Amino acid sequence: IKHTYNEEADAKRVAQAKLDALSRGTSSGNLTMPCTEKMLNIMAEGKLVLEGFREGVAGEWVVTRTQYD
C-alpha cells in the first residue's frame, strides 16, 4: 500500500481490504456430502457458495474436482 492515510480508520480499512485480496485463493478443502439431483450440475471450475458453515469456510469457492458415486 503506497498511499498515506490521515485517518487511522481509513488506513485500517484499506489494509484489511488488501489482506482479504491477498488471502483469496490460498485456502483449500474437501467436502463430502450426499448427492441430490440438483447437485449433479456442479463441475470443476464452477463456483460453489457455502452457507451455514463456520467463519473461514462459508463463502464462495471454486470447484477443482467432483466425484459422483
Foldseek 3Di string as FASTA:
>chain_A
DPDDDPDPVVVVVVVVVVVVVVCPPPDDDDDDDDDDPVCPPDAAQDKDADPPDDPPPGGIDGHHHDDDD
